[in-house]
Amino acid sequence: MVKPKAIDCPSICYRPIEPSDLEVLEQIHGNLFPIRYEAEFFQNVVNGRDIVSWAAVDHNRPDGRTDELIGFVTARTVLEKDSEVRISYSLYIYI
C-alpha cells in the first residue's frame, strides 16, 4: 500500500516590503504585468517612498525560503490636481 504524502499547507503572512525584496519584486511584477515600470518605481516601493506596500510570504515553504516574497500589493494616493484622471478622489493600486 502506498503511503499518502503529507501536503504542505501554505501559511501566508504579510509584512512591509523591504529592500531585500527588490529582485523578486521586479521578477514577479514582470511576469504578471505587460507594462514595464522604471527602476525608480521599484526603488520607491522597497524604500517606502510615497508608496504603501505589503509583501505576502509563505512561512511554510518546503524549500526553506520562508520569508521570500510570493505576492505583493502597492498603492499610493494622488491629489486630483496632480492626477491625469479628473475625478474627486483617485486611488491607484499597483498589484
Protein backbone atom coordinates (compact mmCIF):
# COMPACT_ATOMS: atom_id res chain seq x y z
CA MET A 1 0.00 0.00 0.00
CA VAL A 2 1.28 3.46 -0.91
CA LYS A 3 1.55 5.86 1.97
CA PRO A 4 0.00 9.23 1.05
CA LYS A 5 2.34 12.21 1.07
CA ALA A 6 1.76 14.94 3.59
CA ILE A 7 0.52 18.09 1.93
CA ASP A 8 2.29 21.28 2.89
CA CYS A 9 -0.39 23.87 3.53
CA PRO A 10 0.71 27.43 2.90
CA SER A 11 0.95 29.77 5.84
CA ILE A 12 0.63 33.18 4.20
CA CYS A 13 1.73 36.15 6.26
CA TYR A 14 2.04 39.81 5.36
CA ARG A 15 4.83 42.26 6.10
CA PRO A 16 6.15 45.53 4.70
CA ILE A 17 8.19 45.17 1.51
CA GLU A 18 11.92 45.50 2.22
CA PRO A 19 14.94 46.47 0.09
CA SER A 20 15.99 42.78 0.02
CA ASP A 21 12.76 42.05 -1.92
CA LEU A 22 13.80 44.17 -4.92
CA GLU A 23 14.90 41.42 -7.30
CA VAL A 24 11.94 39.12 -6.63
CA LEU A 25 9.51 42.07 -6.74
CA GLU A 26 10.75 43.06 -10.21
CA GLN A 27 10.59 39.44 -11.39
CA ILE A 28 7.04 38.81 -10.16
CA HIS A 29 5.86 42.20 -11.46
CA GLY A 30 7.38 41.49 -14.88
CA ASN A 31 5.70 38.08 -15.04
CA LEU A 32 2.28 39.45 -14.11
CA PHE A 33 2.00 42.77 -15.93
CA PRO A 34 2.55 43.66 -19.59
CA ILE A 35 3.56 47.22 -18.66
CA ARG A 36 7.19 47.70 -17.67
CA TYR A 37 7.86 50.12 -14.84
CA GLU A 38 11.04 52.12 -14.42
CA ALA A 39 13.63 51.14 -11.83
CA GLU A 40 12.70 54.26 -9.82
CA PHE A 41 9.23 52.80 -9.15
CA PHE A 42 10.70 49.64 -7.64
CA GLN A 43 13.23 51.62 -5.60
CA ASN A 44 10.38 53.74 -4.24
CA VAL A 45 8.41 50.61 -3.33
CA VAL A 46 11.20 48.82 -1.46
CA ASN A 47 12.28 52.01 0.32
CA GLY A 48 8.75 53.15 1.23
CA ARG A 49 8.90 56.44 -0.67
CA ASP A 50 5.34 57.72 -1.34
CA ILE A 51 4.07 54.17 -1.91
CA VAL A 52 2.37 51.93 0.63
CA SER A 53 3.38 48.34 0.03
CA TRP A 54 2.83 44.93 1.58
CA ALA A 55 4.54 41.65 0.86
CA ALA A 56 2.90 38.24 1.03
CA VAL A 57 5.24 35.49 2.22
CA ASP A 58 4.63 31.78 2.84
CA HIS A 59 6.18 30.71 6.14
CA ASN A 60 5.52 27.03 5.38
CA ARG A 61 7.51 26.61 2.16
CA PRO A 62 9.15 23.21 1.80
CA ASP A 63 12.27 24.77 0.23
CA GLY A 64 13.09 26.72 3.39
CA ARG A 65 12.74 30.18 1.82
CA THR A 66 10.14 31.20 4.38
CA ASP A 67 10.49 34.97 4.05
CA GLU A 68 10.73 35.24 0.26
CA LEU A 69 8.17 37.39 -1.49
CA ILE A 70 5.39 35.37 -3.20
CA GLY A 71 2.98 38.26 -3.79
CA PHE A 72 2.58 41.97 -3.16
CA VAL A 73 0.26 44.95 -3.07
CA THR A 74 1.37 48.52 -3.69
CA ALA A 75 -0.72 51.68 -3.54
CA ARG A 76 -0.34 55.43 -3.41
CA THR A 77 -2.72 58.34 -3.19
CA VAL A 78 -2.57 61.17 -5.68
CA LEU A 79 -4.19 64.57 -5.30
CA GLU A 80 -6.69 65.34 -8.04
CA LYS A 81 -4.67 68.36 -9.16
CA ASP A 82 -1.68 66.04 -9.74
CA SER A 83 -3.66 63.32 -11.47
CA GLU A 84 -4.24 62.68 -15.15
CA VAL A 85 -7.72 61.44 -14.22
CA ARG A 86 -10.15 64.24 -13.34
CA ILE A 87 -12.42 62.93 -10.61
CA SER A 88 -12.85 63.97 -7.00
CA TYR A 89 -10.87 61.10 -5.48
CA SER A 90 -8.25 58.99 -7.19
CA LEU A 91 -6.70 55.82 -5.88
CA TYR A 92 -4.15 53.99 -7.98
CA ILE A 93 -3.48 50.43 -6.95
CA TYR A 94 -0.48 48.62 -8.44
CA ILE A 95 -0.89 44.93 -7.84
